[in-house]
Amino acid sequence: MQTIHLEVKDDYVKNIIALLNSVRDVMIDKIEIDGDANLKDDPYFYERREELHKLRDDVRSGNMQMYDFNESMDELISELQK
């Protein structure tokens, strides 16, 4: 007996389970689904993490301009008062 681990895109999990269940008694003894704990709370956890890491790197390297909050708010208030 051998064990196979599959990483399945979220949109296709139901299809894969249906496929595996169709041959369960013939070719498969047991089906187990292990979910990633990070994905239970946030289905886009890994994509969001990569975006945040890139954002942090851009800020640190100076590729992304940072604004002073108080200065920006003062500008906004003066624009709204016009």
C-alpha atoms as a PDB file:
ATOM      1  CA  MET A   1       0.000   0.000   0.000  1.00  0.00           C
ATOM      2  CA  GLN A   2       1.239   3.517  -0.815  1.00  0.00           C
ATOM      3  CA  THR A   3       0.184   6.955   0.351  1.00  0.00           C
ATOM      4  CA  ILE A   4      -0.235   9.860  -2.029  1.00  0.00           C
ATOM      5  CA  HIS A   5      -0.489  13.495  -0.916  1.00  0.00           C
ATOM      6  CA  LEU A   6      -2.252  15.901  -3.265  1.00  0.00           C
ATOM      7  CA  GLU A   7      -2.436  19.666  -3.133  1.00  0.00           C
ATOM      8  CA  VAL A   8      -5.705  20.568  -4.787  1.00  0.00           C
ATOM      9  CA  LYS A   9      -6.900  24.045  -5.712  1.00  0.00           C
ATOM     10  CA  ASP A  10      -9.852  25.044  -3.546  1.00  0.00           C
ATOM     11  CA  ASP A  11     -12.295  25.191  -6.462  1.00  0.00           C
ATOM     12  CA  TYR A  12     -11.607  21.565  -7.393  1.00  0.00           C
ATOM     13  CA  VAL A  13     -11.700  19.807  -4.015  1.00  0.00           C
ATOM     14  CA  LYS A  14     -15.299  18.622  -4.430  1.00  0.00           C
ATOM     15  CA  ASN A  15     -14.531  17.249  -7.904  1.00  0.00           C
ATOM     16  CA  ILE A  16     -11.457  15.367  -6.699  1.00  0.00           C
ATOM     17  CA  ILE A  17     -13.368  13.891  -3.731  1.00  0.00           C
ATOM     18  CA  ALA A  18     -16.154  12.743  -6.036  1.00  0.00           C
ATOM     19  CA  LEU A  19     -13.605  11.153  -8.369  1.00  0.00           C
ATOM     20  CA  LEU A  20     -11.823   9.373  -5.530  1.00  0.00           C
ATOM     21  CA  ASN A  21     -15.081   8.187  -3.984  1.00  0.00           C
ATOM     22  CA  SER A  22     -16.111   6.672  -7.315  1.00  0.00           C
ATOM     23  CA  VAL A  23     -13.160   4.225  -7.106  1.00  0.00           C
ATOM     24  CA  ARG A  24     -13.014   3.960  -3.327  1.00  0.00           C
ATOM     25  CA  ASP A  25     -13.855   0.270  -2.891  1.00  0.00           C
ATOM     26  CA  VAL A  26     -11.883  -0.836  -5.948  1.00  0.00           C
ATOM     27  CA  MET A  27      -8.609   1.085  -5.739  1.00  0.00           C
ATOM     28  CA  ILE A  28      -8.665   3.116  -2.522  1.00  0.00           C
ATOM     29  CA  ASP A  29      -8.915   1.927   1.074  1.00  0.00           C
ATOM     30  CA  LYS A  30      -9.137   5.224   2.917  1.00  0.00           C
ATOM     31  CA  ILE A  31      -9.571   8.911   2.054  1.00  0.00           C
ATOM     32  CA  GLU A  32      -8.459  11.605   4.521  1.00  0.00           C
ATOM     33  CA  ILE A  33      -8.654  15.338   4.014  1.00  0.00           C
ATOM     34  CA  ASP A  34      -6.243  17.521   5.953  1.00  0.00           C
ATOM     35  CA  GLY A  35      -6.948  21.210   5.746  1.00  0.00           C
ATOM     36  CA  ASP A  36      -4.418  23.934   6.346  1.00  0.00           C
ATOM     37  CA  ALA A  37      -5.314  25.742   9.585  1.00  0.00           C
ATOM     38  CA  ASN A  38      -4.306  29.066   8.015  1.00  0.00           C
ATOM     39  CA  LEU A  39      -6.765  28.558   5.179  1.00  0.00           C
ATOM     40  CA  LYS A  40      -9.715  27.835   7.482  1.00  0.00           C
ATOM     41  CA  ASP A  41      -9.712  31.406   8.812  1.00  0.00           C
ATOM     42  CA  ASP A  42      -8.531  33.099   5.630  1.00  0.00           C
ATOM     43  CA  PRO A  43      -8.809  31.277   2.289  1.00  0.00           C
ATOM     44  CA  TYR A  44      -6.354  33.737   0.719  1.00  0.00           C
ATOM     45  CA  PHE A  45      -3.799  33.555   3.564  1.00  0.00           C
ATOM     46  CA  TYR A  46      -0.771  32.664   1.455  1.00  0.00           C
ATOM     47  CA  GLU A  47      -1.533  35.165  -1.316  1.00  0.00           C
ATOM     48  CA  ARG A  48      -2.117  37.913   1.242  1.00  0.00           C
ATOM     49  CA  ARG A  49       1.086  37.017   3.088  1.00  0.00           C
ATOM     50  CA  GLU A  50       3.132  37.323  -0.118  1.00  0.00           C
ATOM     51  CA  GLU A  51       1.552  40.712  -0.882  1.00  0.00           C
ATOM     52  CA  LEU A  52       2.338  41.972   2.622  1.00  0.00           C
ATOM     53  CA  HIS A  53       5.941  40.776   2.413  1.00  0.00           C
ATOM     54  CA  LYS A  54       6.370  42.544  -0.925  1.00  0.00           C
ATOM     55  CA  LEU A  55       4.771  45.693   0.480  1.00  0.00           C
ATOM     56  CA  ARG A  56       7.103  45.625   3.492  1.00  0.00           C
ATOM     57  CA  ASP A  57      10.133  45.136   1.246  1.00  0.00           C
ATOM     58  CA  ASP A  58       9.033  48.043  -0.986  1.00  0.00           C
ATOM     59  CA  VAL A  59       8.639  50.333   2.027  1.00  0.00           C
ATOM     60  CA  ARG A  60      12.028  49.355   3.419  1.00  0.00           C
ATOM     61  CA  SER A  61      13.809  49.785   0.091  1.00  0.00           C
ATOM     62  CA  GLY A  62      12.174  53.159  -0.582  1.00  0.00           C
ATOM     63  CA  ASN A  63      10.294  51.976  -3.680  1.00  0.00           C
ATOM     64  CA  MET A  64       7.023  52.917  -1.992  1.00  0.00           C
ATOM     65  CA  GLN A  65       6.598  56.469  -0.797  1.00  0.00           C
ATOM     66  CA  MET A  66       5.284  56.897   2.736  1.00  0.00           C
ATOM     67  CA  TYR A  67       3.167  59.854   3.822  1.00  0.00           C
ATOM     68  CA  ASP A  68       2.964  61.580   7.186  1.00  0.00           C
ATOM     69  CA  PHE A  69      -0.544  60.917   8.520  1.00  0.00           C
ATOM     70  CA  ASN A  70      -0.987  64.275  10.283  1.00  0.00           C
ATOM     71  CA  GLU A  71       0.229  66.204   7.270  1.00  0.00           C
ATOM     72  CA  SER A  72      -2.056  64.259   4.948  1.00  0.00           C
ATOM     73  CA  MET A  73      -5.044  64.817   7.231  1.00  0.00           C
ATOM     74  CA  ASP A  74      -4.331  68.546   7.388  1.00  0.00           C
ATOM     75  CA  GLU A  75      -4.266  68.675   3.591  1.00  0.00           C
ATOM     76  CA  LEU A  76      -7.516  66.732   3.382  1.00  0.00           C
ATOM     77  CA  ILE A  77      -9.266  68.971   5.890  1.00  0.00           C
ATOM     78  CA  SER A  78      -8.130  72.122   4.088  1.00  0.00           C
ATOM     79  CA  GLU A  79      -9.397  70.684   0.789  1.00  0.00           C
ATOM     80  CA  LEU A  80     -12.763  69.818   2.322  1.00  0.00           C
ATOM     81  CA  GLN A  81     -13.150  73.280   3.807  1.00  0.00           C
ATOM     82  CA  LYS A  82     -12.787  74.952   0.390  1.00  0.00           C
END
